[in-house]
Amino acid sequence: MFYWLMKYVVIGPVLKAIFRPWIVGRRNVPASGAAILASNHLSFADSIFLPLLVDRPVAFLAKSDYFTGRGITGWATRMFMKATGQLPIDRSGGKASEASLNTGLQVLGRGELLGIYPEGTRSPDGRLYRGRTGIARMALEAKVPVVPVVMVDTDTMMPIGRRMPRIVRVGVVIGEPLDFSRYAGMENDRYILRSVVDEIMVALQRLGQQRYDDVYASTVKDRLPSSAKG
């Protein structure tokens, strides 16, 4: 109820009036049943506008830091993350990564939509980077389609480090679902997982025409000064 109230009564109408977001390919999102929405990641705003423009609720796996802030700002951030359907996860790796995987599988097991950024973090420069294999494991274990999604101009609206958004019209392009049922039972084969996630990244690159760089975005970020990492 809280999610729907925020989307259709409180937050959603205001954002649509100000930013006039557009969407192409809305019908490519399954009307029912579980699916993964695999999106490029340009801005914090991606997790706001994608759920806003898709008819069904979308759950995102978000950094747990967003849910633990103190004071009024921390409370507001926590309420906003919950309102947009985001779930706290620990990104420190190891057992935390396994817990994140299980959280995603629980969402899919309930027949819901799960939003994932295969790059694992925001692009530091607008390029599309190498995907992480966690999305492939989820898709194969849950036996669900993967729908490629491209966010457009959200980095112009709210680039890394900016606190207040620019008034820019942003968009969402949704491609046709990808079927990986041919790999059923192979979710523990790392070569298959890499093949699956590479196919997802190719679909994203073709859909959005971003320049692709076959390294992890986190590696690129590690080379940048702290102010540019976001």
C-alpha atoms as a PDB file:
ATOM      1  CA  MET A   1       0.000   0.000   0.000  1.00  0.00           C
ATOM      2  CA  PHE A   2       2.832   2.406   0.901  1.00  0.00           C
ATOM      3  CA  TYR A   3       4.548   1.695  -2.448  1.00  0.00           C
ATOM      4  CA  TRP A   4       1.379   2.383  -4.447  1.00  0.00           C
ATOM      5  CA  LEU A   5       0.587   5.502  -2.429  1.00  0.00           C
ATOM      6  CA  MET A   6       4.027   6.967  -3.122  1.00  0.00           C
ATOM      7  CA  LYS A   7       3.997   5.978  -6.807  1.00  0.00           C
ATOM      8  CA  TYR A   8       0.516   7.110  -7.779  1.00  0.00           C
ATOM      9  CA  VAL A   9      -0.408   9.806  -5.240  1.00  0.00           C
ATOM     10  CA  VAL A  10       2.575  11.436  -3.527  1.00  0.00           C
ATOM     11  CA  ILE A  11       5.896  11.145  -5.408  1.00  0.00           C
ATOM     12  CA  GLY A  12       5.020   9.797  -8.852  1.00  0.00           C
ATOM     13  CA  PRO A  13       2.703  12.557 -10.124  1.00  0.00           C
ATOM     14  CA  VAL A  14       5.146  15.268  -9.042  1.00  0.00           C
ATOM     15  CA  LEU A  15       8.122  13.651 -10.791  1.00  0.00           C
ATOM     16  CA  LYS A  16       6.130  13.070 -13.968  1.00  0.00           C
ATOM     17  CA  ALA A  17       4.968  16.689 -14.028  1.00  0.00           C
ATOM     18  CA  ILE A  18       8.471  18.091 -13.527  1.00  0.00           C
ATOM     19  CA  PHE A  19      10.635  15.753 -15.633  1.00  0.00           C
ATOM     20  CA  ARG A  20       8.083  14.468 -18.209  1.00  0.00           C
ATOM     21  CA  PRO A  21       9.787  11.063 -18.515  1.00  0.00           C
ATOM     22  CA  TRP A  22       9.177   8.925 -21.618  1.00  0.00           C
ATOM     23  CA  ILE A  23       9.258   5.193 -22.193  1.00  0.00           C
ATOM     24  CA  VAL A  24       9.634   2.926 -25.229  1.00  0.00           C
ATOM     25  CA  GLY A  25       8.907  -0.805 -25.139  1.00  0.00           C
ATOM     26  CA  ARG A  26       6.723  -0.923 -22.031  1.00  0.00           C
ATOM     27  CA  ARG A  27       4.945  -3.996 -23.445  1.00  0.00           C
ATOM     28  CA  ASN A  28       8.188  -5.976 -23.297  1.00  0.00           C
ATOM     29  CA  VAL A  29       7.810  -6.234 -19.518  1.00  0.00           C
ATOM     30  CA  PRO A  30       5.856  -9.433 -18.761  1.00  0.00           C
ATOM     31  CA  ALA A  31       2.337  -8.678 -17.546  1.00  0.00           C
ATOM     32  CA  SER A  32       2.654 -11.365 -14.878  1.00  0.00           C
ATOM     33  CA  GLY A  33       5.206 -13.752 -13.438  1.00  0.00           C
ATOM     34  CA  ALA A  34       8.779 -13.276 -12.326  1.00  0.00           C
ATOM     35  CA  ALA A  35      11.401 -11.572 -14.488  1.00  0.00           C
ATOM     36  CA  ILE A  36      14.667  -9.678 -14.100  1.00  0.00           C
ATOM     37  CA  LEU A  37      14.935  -6.137 -15.440  1.00  0.00           C
ATOM     38  CA  ALA A  38      18.632  -5.703 -16.287  1.00  0.00           C
ATOM     39  CA  SER A  39      19.498  -2.023 -16.626  1.00  0.00           C
ATOM     40  CA  ASN A  40      22.512   0.104 -17.357  1.00  0.00           C
ATOM     41  CA  HIS A  41      23.317   2.365 -14.420  1.00  0.00           C
ATOM     42  CA  LEU A  42      24.044   6.040 -14.991  1.00  0.00           C
ATOM     43  CA  SER A  43      22.617   7.752 -11.929  1.00  0.00           C
ATOM     44  CA  PHE A  44      20.955   7.363  -8.540  1.00  0.00           C
ATOM     45  CA  ALA A  45      17.813   8.465 -10.384  1.00  0.00           C
ATOM     46  CA  ASP A  46      17.673   5.206 -12.373  1.00  0.00           C
ATOM     47  CA  SER A  47      16.084   3.419  -9.416  1.00  0.00           C
ATOM     48  CA  ILE A  48      13.423   6.111  -9.270  1.00  0.00           C
ATOM     49  CA  PHE A  49      12.318   6.481 -12.867  1.00  0.00           C
ATOM     50  CA  LEU A  50      12.334   2.845 -13.947  1.00  0.00           C
ATOM     51  CA  PRO A  51       9.774   1.748 -11.304  1.00  0.00           C
ATOM     52  CA  LEU A  52       7.822   4.931 -11.964  1.00  0.00           C
ATOM     53  CA  LEU A  53       7.345   4.118 -15.653  1.00  0.00           C
ATOM     54  CA  VAL A  54       6.730   0.370 -15.393  1.00  0.00           C
ATOM     55  CA  ASP A  55       3.177  -0.715 -14.550  1.00  0.00           C
ATOM     56  CA  ARG A  56       4.193  -3.473 -12.117  1.00  0.00           C
ATOM     57  CA  PRO A  57       6.169  -2.958  -8.883  1.00  0.00           C
ATOM     58  CA  VAL A  58       9.935  -3.422  -9.256  1.00  0.00           C
ATOM     59  CA  ALA A  59      12.191  -4.403  -6.350  1.00  0.00           C
ATOM     60  CA  PHE A  60      15.811  -3.250  -6.541  1.00  0.00           C
ATOM     61  CA  LEU A  61      18.775  -4.491  -4.535  1.00  0.00           C
ATOM     62  CA  ALA A  62      20.280  -1.338  -2.998  1.00  0.00           C
ATOM     63  CA  LYS A  63      23.320  -0.615  -0.803  1.00  0.00           C
ATOM     64  CA  SER A  64      22.494  -1.176   2.854  1.00  0.00           C
ATOM     65  CA  ASP A  65      24.116   2.198   3.647  1.00  0.00           C
ATOM     66  CA  TYR A  66      21.012   3.928   2.297  1.00  0.00           C
ATOM     67  CA  PHE A  67      18.947   2.340   5.084  1.00  0.00           C
ATOM     68  CA  THR A  68      21.196   3.065   8.066  1.00  0.00           C
ATOM     69  CA  GLY A  69      21.623   6.844   8.004  1.00  0.00           C
ATOM     70  CA  ARG A  70      20.873   8.885  11.127  1.00  0.00           C
ATOM     71  CA  GLY A  71      18.923  12.051  11.732  1.00  0.00           C
ATOM     72  CA  ILE A  72      16.277  13.582   9.521  1.00  0.00           C
ATOM     73  CA  THR A  73      18.283  13.024   6.334  1.00  0.00           C
ATOM     74  CA  GLY A  74      18.835   9.364   7.178  1.00  0.00           C
ATOM     75  CA  TRP A  75      15.162   8.874   7.955  1.00  0.00           C
ATOM     76  CA  ALA A  76      14.084  10.601   4.732  1.00  0.00           C
ATOM     77  CA  THR A  77      16.480   8.503   2.649  1.00  0.00           C
ATOM     78  CA  ARG A  78      15.298   5.301   4.314  1.00  0.00           C
ATOM     79  CA  MET A  79      11.637   6.130   3.728  1.00  0.00           C
ATOM     80  CA  PHE A  80      12.350   7.057   0.110  1.00  0.00           C
ATOM     81  CA  MET A  81      14.191   3.792  -0.561  1.00  0.00           C
ATOM     82  CA  LYS A  82      11.313   1.804   0.891  1.00  0.00           C
ATOM     83  CA  ALA A  83       8.787   3.834  -1.084  1.00  0.00           C
ATOM     84  CA  THR A  84      10.550   2.979  -4.350  1.00  0.00           C
ATOM     85  CA  GLY A  85      10.651  -0.740  -3.558  1.00  0.00           C
ATOM     86  CA  GLN A  86      14.357  -1.079  -2.829  1.00  0.00           C
ATOM     87  CA  LEU A  87      15.812  -3.818  -0.636  1.00  0.00           C
ATOM     88  CA  PRO A  88      18.959  -3.398   1.503  1.00  0.00           C
ATOM     89  CA  ILE A  89      21.936  -5.614   0.658  1.00  0.00           C
ATOM     90  CA  ASP A  90      25.553  -5.823   1.788  1.00  0.00           C
ATOM     91  CA  ARG A  91      27.953  -5.444  -1.140  1.00  0.00           C
ATOM     92  CA  SER A  92      31.118  -6.360   0.746  1.00  0.00           C
ATOM     93  CA  GLY A  93      31.436  -9.708  -1.066  1.00  0.00           C
ATOM     94  CA  GLY A  94      31.804 -13.284   0.184  1.00  0.00           C
ATOM     95  CA  LYS A  95      28.861 -14.393   2.319  1.00  0.00           C
ATOM     96  CA  ALA A  96      27.253 -11.002   1.758  1.00  0.00           C
ATOM     97  CA  SER A  97      27.127 -11.674  -1.991  1.00  0.00           C
ATOM     98  CA  GLU A  98      25.443 -15.006  -1.346  1.00  0.00           C
ATOM     99  CA  ALA A  99      22.896 -13.285   0.885  1.00  0.00           C
ATOM    100  CA  SER A 100      22.191 -10.754  -1.881  1.00  0.00           C
ATOM    101  CA  LEU A 101      21.663 -13.593  -4.323  1.00  0.00           C
ATOM    102  CA  ASN A 102      19.214 -15.249  -1.954  1.00  0.00           C
ATOM    103  CA  THR A 103      17.322 -11.982  -1.454  1.00  0.00           C
ATOM    104  CA  GLY A 104      16.919 -11.623  -5.203  1.00  0.00           C
ATOM    105  CA  LEU A 105      15.789 -15.227  -5.567  1.00  0.00           C
ATOM    106  CA  GLN A 106      13.140 -14.677  -2.887  1.00  0.00           C
ATOM    107  CA  VAL A 107      11.715 -11.766  -4.898  1.00  0.00           C
ATOM    108  CA  LEU A 108      11.642 -13.870  -8.049  1.00  0.00           C
ATOM    109  CA  GLY A 109      10.206 -16.826  -6.154  1.00  0.00           C
ATOM    110  CA  ARG A 110       7.188 -14.679  -5.291  1.00  0.00           C
ATOM    111  CA  GLY A 111       6.586 -14.059  -9.003  1.00  0.00           C
ATOM    112  CA  GLU A 112       7.717 -10.420  -8.853  1.00  0.00           C
ATOM    113  CA  LEU A 113       9.975  -8.168 -10.933  1.00  0.00           C
ATOM    114  CA  LEU A 114      13.560  -7.729  -9.782  1.00  0.00           C
ATOM    115  CA  GLY A 115      15.651  -4.807 -10.986  1.00  0.00           C
ATOM    116  CA  ILE A 116      19.402  -5.402 -11.275  1.00  0.00           C
ATOM    117  CA  TYR A 117      22.331  -3.344 -12.520  1.00  0.00           C
ATOM    118  CA  PRO A 118      24.660  -5.963 -14.045  1.00  0.00           C
ATOM    119  CA  GLU A 119      27.628  -3.574 -13.892  1.00  0.00           C
ATOM    120  CA  GLY A 120      27.361  -3.658 -10.105  1.00  0.00           C
ATOM    121  CA  THR A 121      27.784   0.100  -9.677  1.00  0.00           C
ATOM    122  CA  ARG A 122      27.095   3.358 -11.465  1.00  0.00           C
ATOM    123  CA  SER A 123      29.115   4.095 -14.568  1.00  0.00           C
ATOM    124  CA  PRO A 124      31.666   6.793 -13.714  1.00  0.00           C
ATOM    125  CA  ASP A 125      31.719   8.246 -17.232  1.00  0.00           C
ATOM    126  CA  GLY A 126      28.620   7.175 -19.171  1.00  0.00           C
ATOM    127  CA  ARG A 127      30.196   4.078 -20.707  1.00  0.00           C
ATOM    128  CA  LEU A 128      28.769   0.583 -20.368  1.00  0.00           C
ATOM    129  CA  TYR A 129      31.060  -1.778 -18.457  1.00  0.00           C
ATOM    130  CA  ARG A 130      31.586  -5.513 -17.973  1.00  0.00           C
ATOM    131  CA  GLY A 131      28.707  -7.278 -16.209  1.00  0.00           C
ATOM    132  CA  ARG A 132      28.909  -9.266 -12.973  1.00  0.00           C
ATOM    133  CA  THR A 133      27.746 -12.891 -13.085  1.00  0.00           C
ATOM    134  CA  GLY A 134      25.329 -12.665 -10.143  1.00  0.00           C
ATOM    135  CA  ILE A 135      22.497 -11.744 -12.497  1.00  0.00           C
ATOM    136  CA  ALA A 136      23.206 -14.852 -14.578  1.00  0.00           C
ATOM    137  CA  ARG A 137      23.017 -17.116 -11.519  1.00  0.00           C
ATOM    138  CA  MET A 138      19.700 -15.611 -10.497  1.00  0.00           C
ATOM    139  CA  ALA A 139      18.228 -15.957 -13.982  1.00  0.00           C
ATOM    140  CA  LEU A 140      19.253 -19.601 -14.304  1.00  0.00           C
ATOM    141  CA  GLU A 141      18.356 -20.656 -10.753  1.00  0.00           C
ATOM    142  CA  ALA A 142      14.965 -18.920 -10.849  1.00  0.00           C
ATOM    143  CA  LYS A 143      14.350 -19.931 -14.487  1.00  0.00           C
ATOM    144  CA  VAL A 144      13.150 -16.448 -15.448  1.00  0.00           C
ATOM    145  CA  PRO A 145      13.612 -14.206 -18.507  1.00  0.00           C
ATOM    146  CA  VAL A 146      15.908 -11.197 -18.438  1.00  0.00           C
ATOM    147  CA  VAL A 147      14.531  -7.957 -19.878  1.00  0.00           C
ATOM    148  CA  PRO A 148      17.211  -5.466 -21.032  1.00  0.00           C
ATOM    149  CA  VAL A 149      16.547  -1.861 -19.994  1.00  0.00           C
ATOM    150  CA  VAL A 150      18.393   1.304 -20.963  1.00  0.00           C
ATOM    151  CA  MET A 151      18.098   4.500 -18.954  1.00  0.00           C
ATOM    152  CA  VAL A 152      18.513   7.674 -20.995  1.00  0.00           C
ATOM    153  CA  ASP A 153      19.893  11.029 -19.759  1.00  0.00           C
ATOM    154  CA  THR A 154      19.543  10.276 -16.055  1.00  0.00           C
ATOM    155  CA  ASP A 155      23.266  11.061 -15.738  1.00  0.00           C
ATOM    156  CA  THR A 156      22.617  14.496 -17.234  1.00  0.00           C
ATOM    157  CA  MET A 157      19.769  15.063 -14.798  1.00  0.00           C
ATOM    158  CA  MET A 158      21.670  13.907 -11.719  1.00  0.00           C
ATOM    159  CA  PRO A 159      25.360  13.133 -12.284  1.00  0.00           C
ATOM    160  CA  ILE A 160      27.566  11.605  -9.599  1.00  0.00           C
ATOM    161  CA  GLY A 161      28.210  14.094  -6.810  1.00  0.00           C
ATOM    162  CA  ARG A 162      25.249  16.363  -7.552  1.00  0.00           C
ATOM    163  CA  ARG A 163      22.668  16.732  -4.774  1.00  0.00           C
ATOM    164  CA  MET A 164      19.933  18.583  -6.634  1.00  0.00           C
ATOM    165  CA  PRO A 165      18.688  17.325 -10.025  1.00  0.00           C
ATOM    166  CA  ARG A 166      18.644  19.366 -13.197  1.00  0.00           C
ATOM    167  CA  ILE A 167      15.300  19.704 -14.961  1.00  0.00           C
ATOM    168  CA  VAL A 168      16.009  17.345 -17.857  1.00  0.00           C
ATOM    169  CA  ARG A 169      13.616  15.033 -19.656  1.00  0.00           C
ATOM    170  CA  VAL A 170      14.737  11.445 -19.036  1.00  0.00           C
ATOM    171  CA  GLY A 171      13.699   8.218 -20.714  1.00  0.00           C
ATOM    172  CA  VAL A 172      13.566   4.441 -20.530  1.00  0.00           C
ATOM    173  CA  VAL A 173      13.989   2.004 -23.441  1.00  0.00           C
ATOM    174  CA  ILE A 174      12.960  -1.598 -22.831  1.00  0.00           C
ATOM    175  CA  GLY A 175      14.061  -4.405 -25.122  1.00  0.00           C
ATOM    176  CA  GLU A 176      12.623  -7.840 -25.791  1.00  0.00           C
ATOM    177  CA  PRO A 177      13.053 -10.469 -23.037  1.00  0.00           C
ATOM    178  CA  LEU A 178      16.075 -12.769 -23.255  1.00  0.00           C
ATOM    179  CA  ASP A 179      15.428 -16.490 -22.760  1.00  0.00           C
ATOM    180  CA  PHE A 180      18.206 -18.560 -21.175  1.00  0.00           C
ATOM    181  CA  SER A 181      16.255 -21.783 -20.686  1.00  0.00           C
ATOM    182  CA  ARG A 182      18.785 -23.549 -22.926  1.00  0.00           C
ATOM    183  CA  TYR A 183      21.202 -23.356 -19.990  1.00  0.00           C
ATOM    184  CA  ALA A 184      18.867 -25.033 -17.490  1.00  0.00           C
ATOM    185  CA  GLY A 185      20.789 -26.820 -14.739  1.00  0.00           C
ATOM    186  CA  MET A 186      24.091 -25.093 -15.572  1.00  0.00           C
ATOM    187  CA  GLU A 187      23.950 -22.309 -12.970  1.00  0.00           C
ATOM    188  CA  ASN A 188      27.163 -23.563 -11.322  1.00  0.00           C
ATOM    189  CA  ASP A 189      29.222 -23.486 -14.515  1.00  0.00           C
ATOM    190  CA  ARG A 190      31.237 -20.262 -14.442  1.00  0.00           C
ATOM    191  CA  TYR A 191      31.786 -20.308 -18.204  1.00  0.00           C
ATOM    192  CA  ILE A 192      28.037 -20.516 -18.793  1.00  0.00           C
ATOM    193  CA  LEU A 193      27.447 -17.691 -16.313  1.00  0.00           C
ATOM    194  CA  ARG A 194      29.955 -15.500 -18.120  1.00  0.00           C
ATOM    195  CA  SER A 195      28.328 -16.329 -21.464  1.00  0.00           C
ATOM    196  CA  VAL A 196      24.892 -15.393 -20.127  1.00  0.00           C
ATOM    197  CA  VAL A 197      25.944 -12.075 -18.629  1.00  0.00           C
ATOM    198  CA  ASP A 198      27.950 -11.168 -21.739  1.00  0.00           C
ATOM    199  CA  GLU A 199      24.827 -11.766 -23.839  1.00  0.00           C
ATOM    200  CA  ILE A 200      22.907  -9.444 -21.531  1.00  0.00           C
ATOM    201  CA  MET A 201      25.554  -6.729 -21.876  1.00  0.00           C
ATOM    202  CA  VAL A 202      25.545  -7.057 -25.679  1.00  0.00           C
ATOM    203  CA  ALA A 203      21.767  -6.593 -25.656  1.00  0.00           C
ATOM    204  CA  LEU A 204      22.135  -3.468 -23.490  1.00  0.00           C
ATOM    205  CA  GLN A 205      24.856  -2.028 -25.711  1.00  0.00           C
ATOM    206  CA  ARG A 206      22.802  -2.550 -28.868  1.00  0.00           C
ATOM    207  CA  LEU A 207      19.696  -1.106 -27.261  1.00  0.00           C
ATOM    208  CA  GLY A 208      21.340   2.023 -25.902  1.00  0.00           C
ATOM    209  CA  GLN A 209      24.344   2.441 -28.220  1.00  0.00           C
ATOM    210  CA  GLN A 210      26.609   3.196 -25.272  1.00  0.00           C
ATOM    211  CA  ARG A 211      30.324   2.833 -25.751  1.00  0.00           C
ATOM    212  CA  TYR A 212      31.344  -0.493 -24.183  1.00  0.00           C
ATOM    213  CA  ASP A 213      34.517  -1.086 -22.192  1.00  0.00           C
ATOM    214  CA  ASP A 214      35.273  -4.698 -21.194  1.00  0.00           C
ATOM    215  CA  VAL A 215      36.486  -3.957 -17.664  1.00  0.00           C
ATOM    216  CA  TYR A 216      34.559  -3.675 -14.409  1.00  0.00           C
ATOM    217  CA  ALA A 217      33.192  -0.227 -13.571  1.00  0.00           C
ATOM    218  CA  SER A 218      34.472  -0.674 -10.005  1.00  0.00           C
ATOM    219  CA  THR A 219      38.027  -1.041 -11.362  1.00  0.00           C
ATOM    220  CA  VAL A 220      37.692   2.237 -13.228  1.00  0.00           C
ATOM    221  CA  LYS A 221      36.267   3.933 -10.136  1.00  0.00           C
ATOM    222  CA  ASP A 222      39.193   2.758  -8.011  1.00  0.00           C
ATOM    223  CA  ARG A 223      41.487   4.846 -10.211  1.00  0.00           C
ATOM    224  CA  LEU A 224      39.458   8.017  -9.736  1.00  0.00           C
ATOM    225  CA  PRO A 225      39.671  10.622  -6.955  1.00  0.00           C
ATOM    226  CA  SER A 226      37.109  10.137  -4.184  1.00  0.00           C
ATOM    227  CA  SER A 227      35.000  13.101  -5.313  1.00  0.00           C
ATOM    228  CA  ALA A 228      34.334  11.453  -8.681  1.00  0.00           C
ATOM    229  CA  LYS A 229      33.379   7.961  -7.462  1.00  0.00           C
ATOM    230  CA  GLY A 230      29.859   8.590  -6.155  1.00  0.00           C
END
